[in-house]
N, C-alpha and C. Protein backbone atom coordinates (compact mmCIF):
# COMPACT_ATOMS: atom_id res chain seq x y z
N MET A 1 59.56 128.57 65.74
CA MET A 1 58.48 127.43 65.78
C MET A 1 58.48 126.40 64.91
N ALA A 2 58.66 125.24 64.86
CA ALA A 2 58.23 124.28 63.62
C ALA A 2 57.24 123.84 63.51
N VAL A 3 56.66 124.16 62.09
CA VAL A 3 55.35 123.86 61.90
C VAL A 3 55.46 122.74 60.90
N LYS A 4 54.35 121.72 61.09
CA LYS A 4 54.46 120.41 60.26
C LYS A 4 52.93 120.33 59.80
N ILE A 5 52.87 119.68 58.64
CA ILE A 5 51.98 119.27 57.90
C ILE A 5 51.59 117.85 58.42
N ARG A 6 50.51 117.37 58.94
CA ARG A 6 50.23 116.07 59.44
C ARG A 6 48.84 115.58 59.46
N LEU A 7 48.75 114.43 60.22
CA LEU A 7 47.20 113.65 60.13
C LEU A 7 47.02 113.96 61.70
N THR A 8 45.42 114.09 62.04
CA THR A 8 45.11 113.88 63.25
C THR A 8 43.83 113.08 63.02
N ARG A 9 43.65 112.22 64.09
CA ARG A 9 42.71 110.95 63.82
C ARG A 9 41.46 111.34 64.51
N LEU A 10 40.43 111.27 63.67
CA LEU A 10 39.09 111.36 64.04
C LEU A 10 38.23 110.05 63.79
N GLY A 11 36.94 109.90 64.25
CA GLY A 11 36.19 108.67 63.77
C GLY A 11 36.20 107.68 64.95
N ASP A 12 35.37 106.38 64.67
CA ASP A 12 35.24 105.62 65.75
C ASP A 12 36.19 104.30 65.86
N LYS A 13 36.35 103.51 66.74
CA LYS A 13 37.38 102.55 66.97
C LYS A 13 37.00 101.66 65.80
N LYS A 14 38.37 101.46 65.25
CA LYS A 14 38.38 100.64 63.92
C LYS A 14 37.77 101.01 62.66
N ALA A 15 37.53 102.36 62.56
CA ALA A 15 37.01 103.20 61.58
C ALA A 15 37.55 104.60 61.55
N PRO A 16 38.89 104.57 61.42
CA PRO A 16 39.69 105.81 61.13
C PRO A 16 39.44 106.72 60.04
N PHE A 17 39.26 107.89 60.38
CA PHE A 17 39.00 109.20 59.57
C PHE A 17 40.00 110.23 60.16
N TYR A 18 40.84 110.73 58.96
CA TYR A 18 41.77 111.49 59.40
C TYR A 18 41.66 113.37 58.61
N ARG A 19 41.98 114.36 59.36
CA ARG A 19 42.05 115.38 59.06
C ARG A 19 43.77 115.80 58.59
N VAL A 20 43.90 116.45 57.53
CA VAL A 20 45.21 116.79 57.30
C VAL A 20 45.24 118.40 57.75
N ILE A 21 46.41 118.29 58.71
CA ILE A 21 46.01 119.66 59.56
C ILE A 21 47.69 120.24 59.47
N VAL A 22 47.72 121.67 59.55
CA VAL A 22 48.93 122.35 59.80
C VAL A 22 49.03 122.64 61.22
N ALA A 23 50.04 122.01 62.14
CA ALA A 23 50.29 122.27 63.69
C ALA A 23 51.61 122.52 63.92
N ASP A 24 51.87 122.90 65.31
CA ASP A 24 53.13 123.03 65.64
C ASP A 24 53.63 121.83 65.86
N SER A 25 54.81 121.56 65.79
CA SER A 25 55.67 120.28 66.22
C SER A 25 55.64 119.67 67.41
N ARG A 26 55.32 120.53 68.25
CA ARG A 26 55.41 120.17 69.84
C ARG A 26 53.76 119.73 70.29
N ALA A 27 53.01 120.07 69.68
CA ALA A 27 51.54 119.85 69.81
C ALA A 27 51.24 118.35 69.59
N PRO A 28 50.31 117.90 70.56
CA PRO A 28 50.07 116.31 70.38
C PRO A 28 49.17 116.18 69.10
N ARG A 29 49.06 114.74 68.69
CA ARG A 29 48.71 114.61 67.66
C ARG A 29 47.09 115.01 67.51
N ASP A 30 46.22 114.82 68.52
CA ASP A 30 44.88 115.23 68.41
C ASP A 30 44.61 116.60 69.10
N GLY A 31 45.96 117.21 69.21
CA GLY A 31 45.80 118.32 69.96
C GLY A 31 45.45 119.91 69.32
N LYS A 32 45.90 120.60 69.81
CA LYS A 32 45.95 122.31 69.24
C LYS A 32 46.65 122.16 67.52
N PHE A 33 45.85 122.82 66.81
CA PHE A 33 46.28 123.22 65.32
C PHE A 33 46.14 124.37 64.88
N ILE A 34 46.84 124.64 63.53
CA ILE A 34 46.49 126.22 62.98
C ILE A 34 45.61 126.16 62.18
N ASP A 35 45.67 125.09 61.15
CA ASP A 35 44.60 125.20 60.13
C ASP A 35 44.26 123.76 59.41
N ILE A 36 43.30 123.74 58.88
CA ILE A 36 42.78 122.37 58.45
C ILE A 36 42.84 122.34 57.06
N ILE A 37 43.75 121.76 56.30
CA ILE A 37 43.67 121.86 54.99
C ILE A 37 43.27 120.60 54.02
N GLY A 38 42.53 119.59 54.65
CA GLY A 38 41.87 118.56 53.99
C GLY A 38 41.52 117.36 54.75
N THR A 39 41.27 116.34 54.18
CA THR A 39 40.54 115.16 54.87
C THR A 39 41.09 114.00 54.03
N TYR A 40 41.18 112.99 54.77
CA TYR A 40 41.62 111.64 54.13
C TYR A 40 40.93 110.31 54.89
N ASN A 41 40.32 109.69 54.15
CA ASN A 41 39.40 108.39 54.66
C ASN A 41 40.20 106.98 53.78
N PRO A 42 40.67 106.49 54.50
CA PRO A 42 41.47 105.03 54.20
C PRO A 42 40.44 104.01 54.04
N LEU A 43 39.11 104.05 54.43
CA LEU A 43 38.30 102.99 54.37
C LEU A 43 37.45 103.00 53.06
N THR A 44 37.45 104.15 52.33
CA THR A 44 36.77 103.84 51.17
C THR A 44 37.71 103.11 50.07
N ASP A 45 37.21 102.79 48.89
CA ASP A 45 37.75 102.03 47.92
C ASP A 45 37.71 102.81 46.59
N PRO A 46 38.59 103.29 46.18
CA PRO A 46 39.92 103.72 46.51
C PRO A 46 39.84 104.77 47.61
N ALA A 47 40.98 104.88 48.35
CA ALA A 47 40.97 105.85 49.63
C ALA A 47 40.51 107.25 49.00
N GLU A 48 39.83 108.17 49.74
CA GLU A 48 39.52 109.45 49.45
C GLU A 48 40.26 110.35 50.25
N ILE A 49 40.95 111.12 49.32
CA ILE A 49 41.81 112.00 49.52
C ILE A 49 41.20 113.64 49.10
N LYS A 50 41.12 114.57 50.16
CA LYS A 50 40.74 115.89 49.54
C LYS A 50 41.56 116.75 50.42
N ILE A 51 42.21 117.62 49.43
CA ILE A 51 43.10 118.55 50.32
C ILE A 51 43.10 119.60 49.37
N ASP A 52 43.07 120.98 50.08
CA ASP A 52 42.91 122.25 49.40
C ASP A 52 44.57 122.69 49.10
N ALA A 53 44.64 122.65 47.76
CA ALA A 53 46.01 122.90 47.00
C ALA A 53 46.59 124.30 47.45
N GLU A 54 45.46 125.12 47.38
CA GLU A 54 46.04 126.58 47.50
C GLU A 54 46.63 126.85 48.99
N LYS A 55 45.77 126.20 50.01
CA LYS A 55 46.09 126.09 51.43
C LYS A 55 47.52 125.45 51.33
N ALA A 56 47.54 124.22 51.21
CA ALA A 56 48.79 123.44 51.14
C ALA A 56 50.13 124.12 50.80
N ASN A 57 49.77 124.65 49.23
CA ASN A 57 51.09 125.40 48.71
C ASN A 57 51.57 126.45 49.68
N LYS A 58 50.40 127.46 50.15
CA LYS A 58 50.81 128.35 51.00
C LYS A 58 51.45 128.18 52.23
N TRP A 59 51.33 127.27 52.79
CA TRP A 59 51.98 126.63 53.87
C TRP A 59 53.23 126.16 53.62
N ILE A 60 53.27 125.41 52.49
CA ILE A 60 54.62 124.70 52.31
C ILE A 60 55.72 125.86 52.01
N LYS A 61 55.34 126.90 51.26
CA LYS A 61 56.10 128.19 50.78
C LYS A 61 56.53 128.92 52.38
N ASN A 62 55.57 128.78 53.28
CA ASN A 62 55.96 129.64 54.23
C ASN A 62 56.79 128.97 55.32
N GLY A 63 57.14 127.72 54.72
CA GLY A 63 58.03 126.47 55.60
C GLY A 63 57.53 125.40 56.37
N ALA A 64 56.47 125.12 56.21
CA ALA A 64 55.71 123.94 56.95
C ALA A 64 56.28 122.76 56.21
N GLN A 65 56.99 121.71 57.04
CA GLN A 65 57.37 120.63 56.66
C GLN A 65 56.17 119.49 56.88
N PRO A 66 56.05 118.85 55.69
CA PRO A 66 54.95 117.52 55.70
C PRO A 66 55.72 116.32 56.25
N THR A 67 54.86 115.45 57.21
CA THR A 67 55.49 114.26 57.69
C THR A 67 55.21 113.36 56.41
N GLU A 68 55.99 112.09 56.52
CA GLU A 68 56.19 111.16 55.55
C GLU A 68 54.77 110.62 54.86
N THR A 69 53.72 110.52 55.97
CA THR A 69 52.52 110.30 55.54
C THR A 69 51.81 111.29 54.82
N ALA A 70 51.87 112.58 55.35
CA ALA A 70 51.22 113.69 54.62
C ALA A 70 51.92 113.99 53.53
N LYS A 71 53.12 113.75 53.23
CA LYS A 71 53.96 113.94 51.94
C LYS A 71 53.39 113.01 50.96
N GLN A 72 53.04 111.62 51.28
CA GLN A 72 52.62 110.81 50.19
C GLN A 72 51.45 111.11 49.81
N LEU A 73 50.49 111.71 50.89
CA LEU A 73 49.02 112.22 50.44
C LEU A 73 49.05 113.48 49.50
N LEU A 74 49.94 114.13 49.64
CA LEU A 74 50.07 115.30 48.88
C LEU A 74 50.78 114.98 47.56
N VAL A 75 51.54 113.92 47.37
CA VAL A 75 51.87 113.60 46.09
C VAL A 75 51.04 112.97 45.37
N LYS A 76 50.15 112.11 46.03
CA LYS A 76 49.27 111.33 45.29
C LYS A 76 47.94 112.36 44.86
N SER A 77 47.71 113.37 45.45
CA SER A 77 46.72 114.25 45.06
C SER A 77 47.29 115.38 43.92
N GLY A 78 48.45 115.41 43.64
CA GLY A 78 49.29 115.92 42.49
C GLY A 78 49.50 117.31 43.23
N ILE A 79 49.79 117.47 44.43
CA ILE A 79 49.94 118.99 44.93
C ILE A 79 51.39 119.30 44.75
N ILE A 80 52.25 118.24 45.48
CA ILE A 80 53.66 118.48 45.25
C ILE A 80 54.22 117.20 44.33
N SER A 81 55.66 117.45 43.85
CA SER A 81 56.27 116.21 43.51
C SER A 81 56.93 115.74 44.18
N LYS A 82 57.45 114.33 43.72
CA LYS A 82 58.27 113.22 44.57
C LYS A 82 59.35 114.04 44.72
């Protein structure tokens, strides 16, 4: 089972809000997930990123691969290096 760290979309039309989740790579974007590790709100200035570093590191050590967008958020929040 390939596990990914990725975003799932919440919020209203034209007002996105995202959760940073850990999910099976075969699951749909807004479908079943394993764990919620944080949130991302791109509408605030600057964008608000809240990620639980302990959970994120645990999942990365267990083999979860972040998507490109999730990786950028993890780098910005200082959890992983480029």
